[in-house]
Amino acid sequence: MRPTLTDADLLLVARSRPVTPGALVVVRLPDATVAVKRATYLEPTGWWVERDNERVGVDSWTIGPVPRHDVLGVVVLRVWPRPAWLTAPRRNS
């Protein structure tokens, strides 16, 4: 997910947070690999996910939509080495 993330980044992932377009999500790919991708839109068969680096990796352009049950969580925060919100924090109303 370069340039957004690097291999050394430590992430906080929320399993119960709803997926929204543009969010970074942890997904299980068809070969059982677990990866971080960007959710772009929801189709009837699952989430269309893409990679931030178009030259490296796998995304829905090659594997199709990821079934909803294979979206394992939403990346909320990069904890280390450069702390940063990766999705907008929820606001209490």
N, C-alpha and C. Protein backbone atom coordinates (compact mmCIF):
# COMPACT_ATOMS: atom_id res chain seq x y z
N MET A 1 0.82 -1.21 0.00
CA MET A 1 0.00 0.00 0.00
C MET A 1 0.86 1.26 0.00
N ARG A 2 2.07 1.14 -0.47
CA ARG A 2 2.86 2.35 -0.63
C ARG A 2 2.17 3.25 -1.63
N PRO A 3 2.16 4.51 -1.48
CA PRO A 3 2.89 5.32 -0.52
C PRO A 3 2.16 5.53 0.81
N THR A 4 0.92 5.05 0.94
CA THR A 4 0.16 5.28 2.17
C THR A 4 0.77 4.55 3.35
N LEU A 5 1.15 3.29 3.16
CA LEU A 5 1.71 2.46 4.22
C LEU A 5 3.02 1.83 3.78
N THR A 6 3.82 1.42 4.76
CA THR A 6 5.03 0.65 4.47
C THR A 6 4.97 -0.67 5.23
N ASP A 7 5.87 -1.58 4.92
CA ASP A 7 5.87 -2.90 5.57
C ASP A 7 6.04 -2.83 7.08
N ALA A 8 6.70 -1.81 7.59
CA ALA A 8 6.98 -1.71 9.02
C ALA A 8 5.85 -1.05 9.82
N ASP A 9 4.83 -0.53 9.17
CA ASP A 9 3.77 0.18 9.89
C ASP A 9 2.97 -0.76 10.79
N LEU A 10 2.68 -0.30 12.00
CA LEU A 10 1.84 -1.01 12.94
C LEU A 10 0.47 -0.32 12.91
N LEU A 11 -0.59 -1.10 12.67
CA LEU A 11 -1.92 -0.52 12.45
C LEU A 11 -2.89 -0.94 13.52
N LEU A 12 -3.84 -0.06 13.82
CA LEU A 12 -4.98 -0.38 14.67
C LEU A 12 -6.15 -0.65 13.74
N VAL A 13 -6.76 -1.84 13.89
CA VAL A 13 -7.84 -2.25 13.00
C VAL A 13 -9.10 -2.49 13.83
N ALA A 14 -10.21 -1.94 13.37
CA ALA A 14 -11.50 -2.12 14.05
C ALA A 14 -12.34 -3.13 13.27
N ARG A 15 -12.66 -4.23 13.92
CA ARG A 15 -13.48 -5.25 13.25
C ARG A 15 -14.94 -4.85 13.15
N SER A 16 -15.41 -4.01 14.06
CA SER A 16 -16.83 -3.68 14.09
C SER A 16 -17.18 -2.38 13.36
N ARG A 17 -16.19 -1.67 12.88
CA ARG A 17 -16.46 -0.40 12.18
C ARG A 17 -17.00 -0.69 10.79
N PRO A 18 -18.06 0.00 10.38
CA PRO A 18 -18.59 -0.23 9.03
C PRO A 18 -17.61 0.24 7.96
N VAL A 19 -17.59 -0.48 6.86
CA VAL A 19 -16.72 -0.12 5.74
C VAL A 19 -17.38 1.00 4.95
N THR A 20 -16.59 2.02 4.60
CA THR A 20 -17.07 3.11 3.76
C THR A 20 -16.13 3.26 2.57
N PRO A 21 -16.64 3.72 1.45
CA PRO A 21 -15.76 3.91 0.30
C PRO A 21 -14.58 4.82 0.65
N GLY A 22 -13.40 4.41 0.22
CA GLY A 22 -12.18 5.17 0.50
C GLY A 22 -11.42 4.69 1.72
N ALA A 23 -12.06 3.86 2.55
CA ALA A 23 -11.40 3.37 3.77
C ALA A 23 -10.36 2.31 3.42
N LEU A 24 -9.30 2.24 4.24
CA LEU A 24 -8.36 1.14 4.15
C LEU A 24 -8.95 -0.03 4.92
N VAL A 25 -8.93 -1.21 4.32
CA VAL A 25 -9.52 -2.38 4.94
C VAL A 25 -8.53 -3.55 4.91
N VAL A 26 -8.67 -4.43 5.89
CA VAL A 26 -7.91 -5.67 5.91
C VAL A 26 -8.81 -6.73 5.29
N VAL A 27 -8.29 -7.41 4.25
CA VAL A 27 -9.08 -8.39 3.52
C VAL A 27 -8.35 -9.72 3.43
N ARG A 28 -9.14 -10.79 3.30
CA ARG A 28 -8.59 -12.11 3.01
C ARG A 28 -8.78 -12.32 1.51
N LEU A 29 -7.66 -12.52 0.80
CA LEU A 29 -7.69 -12.72 -0.64
C LEU A 29 -7.99 -14.18 -0.95
N PRO A 30 -8.35 -14.50 -2.20
CA PRO A 30 -8.69 -15.89 -2.54
C PRO A 30 -7.62 -16.93 -2.23
N ASP A 31 -6.35 -16.53 -2.22
CA ASP A 31 -5.27 -17.48 -1.89
C ASP A 31 -5.00 -17.54 -0.39
N ALA A 32 -5.88 -16.95 0.43
CA ALA A 32 -5.82 -16.91 1.90
C ALA A 32 -4.82 -15.88 2.43
N THR A 33 -4.18 -15.11 1.57
CA THR A 33 -3.32 -14.02 2.01
C THR A 33 -4.17 -12.94 2.67
N VAL A 34 -3.69 -12.37 3.77
CA VAL A 34 -4.37 -11.25 4.41
C VAL A 34 -3.60 -9.99 4.03
N ALA A 35 -4.32 -8.98 3.52
CA ALA A 35 -3.67 -7.78 3.00
C ALA A 35 -4.50 -6.55 3.31
N VAL A 36 -3.86 -5.39 3.19
CA VAL A 36 -4.56 -4.11 3.34
C VAL A 36 -4.82 -3.55 1.95
N LYS A 37 -6.07 -3.17 1.71
CA LYS A 37 -6.49 -2.60 0.42
C LYS A 37 -7.39 -1.42 0.68
N ARG A 38 -7.68 -0.65 -0.36
CA ARG A 38 -8.60 0.48 -0.25
C ARG A 38 -9.96 0.06 -0.80
N ALA A 39 -11.00 0.14 0.04
CA ALA A 39 -12.36 -0.16 -0.40
C ALA A 39 -12.84 0.99 -1.29
N THR A 40 -13.31 0.67 -2.48
CA THR A 40 -13.74 1.76 -3.36
C THR A 40 -15.25 1.82 -3.50
N TYR A 41 -15.91 0.67 -3.68
CA TYR A 41 -17.37 0.68 -3.70
C TYR A 41 -17.89 -0.73 -3.46
N LEU A 42 -19.15 -0.78 -3.03
CA LEU A 42 -19.79 -2.06 -2.71
C LEU A 42 -20.62 -2.52 -3.90
N GLU A 43 -20.39 -3.75 -4.31
CA GLU A 43 -21.17 -4.39 -5.37
C GLU A 43 -22.06 -5.44 -4.71
N PRO A 44 -23.03 -5.98 -5.43
CA PRO A 44 -23.86 -7.04 -4.85
C PRO A 44 -23.05 -8.26 -4.37
N THR A 45 -21.91 -8.53 -5.00
CA THR A 45 -21.11 -9.70 -4.63
C THR A 45 -20.00 -9.39 -3.64
N GLY A 46 -19.82 -8.13 -3.26
CA GLY A 46 -18.79 -7.79 -2.29
C GLY A 46 -18.16 -6.44 -2.55
N TRP A 47 -17.07 -6.17 -1.81
CA TRP A 47 -16.37 -4.89 -1.93
C TRP A 47 -15.35 -4.92 -3.05
N TRP A 48 -15.36 -3.89 -3.88
CA TRP A 48 -14.32 -3.68 -4.88
C TRP A 48 -13.17 -3.00 -4.14
N VAL A 49 -12.00 -3.63 -4.15
CA VAL A 49 -10.85 -3.08 -3.42
C VAL A 49 -9.71 -2.83 -4.40
N GLU A 50 -8.94 -1.80 -4.12
CA GLU A 50 -7.82 -1.45 -4.98
C GLU A 50 -6.57 -1.21 -4.15
N ARG A 51 -5.44 -1.24 -4.81
CA ARG A 51 -4.15 -0.98 -4.18
C ARG A 51 -3.76 0.47 -4.45
N ASP A 52 -2.99 1.07 -3.57
CA ASP A 52 -2.55 2.44 -3.78
C ASP A 52 -1.40 2.52 -4.78
N ASN A 53 -0.61 1.45 -4.88
CA ASN A 53 0.51 1.42 -5.82
C ASN A 53 0.08 0.56 -7.01
N GLU A 54 -0.22 1.18 -8.12
CA GLU A 54 -0.76 0.44 -9.27
C GLU A 54 0.24 -0.53 -9.90
N ARG A 55 1.52 -0.42 -9.57
CA ARG A 55 2.53 -1.29 -10.17
C ARG A 55 2.79 -2.57 -9.38
N VAL A 56 2.34 -2.64 -8.13
CA VAL A 56 2.66 -3.78 -7.28
C VAL A 56 1.41 -4.28 -6.57
N GLY A 57 1.21 -5.58 -6.54
CA GLY A 57 0.14 -6.16 -5.74
C GLY A 57 -1.04 -6.64 -6.54
N VAL A 58 -2.04 -7.09 -5.80
CA VAL A 58 -3.26 -7.67 -6.34
C VAL A 58 -4.43 -6.85 -5.83
N ASP A 59 -5.44 -6.67 -6.67
CA ASP A 59 -6.66 -6.00 -6.24
C ASP A 59 -7.84 -6.54 -7.03
N SER A 60 -8.98 -5.89 -6.93
CA SER A 60 -10.19 -6.39 -7.60
C SER A 60 -10.09 -6.37 -9.11
N TRP A 61 -9.15 -5.64 -9.66
CA TRP A 61 -8.97 -5.68 -11.12
C TRP A 61 -8.49 -7.05 -11.56
N THR A 62 -7.86 -7.81 -10.65
CA THR A 62 -7.38 -9.14 -11.01
C THR A 62 -8.18 -10.26 -10.35
N ILE A 63 -8.76 -10.02 -9.16
CA ILE A 63 -9.47 -11.09 -8.44
C ILE A 63 -10.97 -10.87 -8.35
N GLY A 64 -11.45 -9.72 -8.77
CA GLY A 64 -12.88 -9.41 -8.63
C GLY A 64 -13.19 -8.89 -7.24
N PRO A 65 -14.47 -8.65 -6.97
CA PRO A 65 -14.87 -8.12 -5.65
C PRO A 65 -14.52 -9.10 -4.52
N VAL A 66 -14.21 -8.56 -3.37
CA VAL A 66 -13.94 -9.36 -2.17
C VAL A 66 -15.25 -9.54 -1.43
N PRO A 67 -15.67 -10.79 -1.18
CA PRO A 67 -16.92 -11.01 -0.45
C PRO A 67 -16.91 -10.29 0.90
N ARG A 68 -18.08 -9.84 1.33
CA ARG A 68 -18.17 -9.09 2.59
C ARG A 68 -17.57 -9.84 3.77
N HIS A 69 -17.75 -11.17 3.82
CA HIS A 69 -17.21 -11.94 4.96
C HIS A 69 -15.68 -12.02 4.93
N ASP A 70 -15.06 -11.67 3.81
CA ASP A 70 -13.60 -11.65 3.73
C ASP A 70 -13.01 -10.27 3.99
N VAL A 71 -13.84 -9.29 4.29
CA VAL A 71 -13.37 -7.99 4.76
C VAL A 71 -13.31 -8.10 6.28
N LEU A 72 -12.10 -8.17 6.82
CA LEU A 72 -11.90 -8.52 8.22
C LEU A 72 -11.93 -7.33 9.17
N GLY A 73 -11.71 -6.13 8.66
CA GLY A 73 -11.73 -4.95 9.52
C GLY A 73 -11.33 -3.70 8.77
N VAL A 74 -11.54 -2.57 9.42
CA VAL A 74 -11.21 -1.26 8.86
C VAL A 74 -9.99 -0.71 9.59
N VAL A 75 -9.00 -0.26 8.82
CA VAL A 75 -7.81 0.34 9.42
C VAL A 75 -8.18 1.73 9.93
N VAL A 76 -7.97 1.95 11.21
CA VAL A 76 -8.34 3.21 11.83
C VAL A 76 -7.14 4.13 12.00
N LEU A 77 -6.02 3.57 12.42
CA LEU A 77 -4.89 4.38 12.85
C LEU A 77 -3.58 3.69 12.54
N ARG A 78 -2.62 4.45 12.05
CA ARG A 78 -1.24 3.95 12.00
C ARG A 78 -0.64 4.32 13.34
N VAL A 79 -0.25 3.32 14.13
CA VAL A 79 0.26 3.53 15.48
C VAL A 79 1.74 3.87 15.46
N TRP A 80 2.48 3.17 14.60
CA TRP A 80 3.93 3.32 14.57
C TRP A 80 4.41 3.12 13.14
N PRO A 81 5.42 3.79 12.65
CA PRO A 81 6.33 4.72 13.30
C PRO A 81 5.87 6.18 13.22
N ARG A 82 4.92 6.49 12.35
CA ARG A 82 4.42 7.87 12.22
C ARG A 82 2.93 7.86 12.53
N PRO A 83 2.53 8.06 13.78
CA PRO A 83 1.11 7.98 14.11
C PRO A 83 0.27 8.89 13.22
N ALA A 84 -0.85 8.34 12.75
CA ALA A 84 -1.75 9.12 11.89
C ALA A 84 -3.09 8.43 11.80
N TRP A 85 -4.19 9.22 11.81
CA TRP A 85 -5.51 8.67 11.54
C TRP A 85 -5.56 8.30 10.07
N LEU A 86 -6.05 7.12 9.77
CA LEU A 86 -6.18 6.70 8.38
C LEU A 86 -7.63 6.69 7.93
N THR A 87 -8.54 6.81 8.88
CA THR A 87 -9.95 7.07 8.59
C THR A 87 -10.38 8.15 9.57
N ALA A 88 -11.41 8.85 9.23
CA ALA A 88 -11.88 9.90 10.12
C ALA A 88 -12.37 9.28 11.42
N PRO A 89 -11.93 9.82 12.56
CA PRO A 89 -12.41 9.28 13.84
C PRO A 89 -13.91 9.51 13.98
N ARG A 90 -14.57 8.59 14.65
CA ARG A 90 -16.02 8.77 14.90
C ARG A 90 -16.23 9.89 15.86
N ARG A 91 -17.28 10.62 15.64
CA ARG A 91 -17.63 11.71 16.55
C ARG A 91 -18.87 11.30 17.33
N ASN A 92 -18.85 11.57 18.63
CA ASN A 92 -20.04 11.29 19.44
C ASN A 92 -21.06 12.36 19.19
N SER A 93 -22.30 11.93 18.97
CA SER A 93 -23.35 12.94 18.72
C SER A 93 -24.25 13.10 19.90
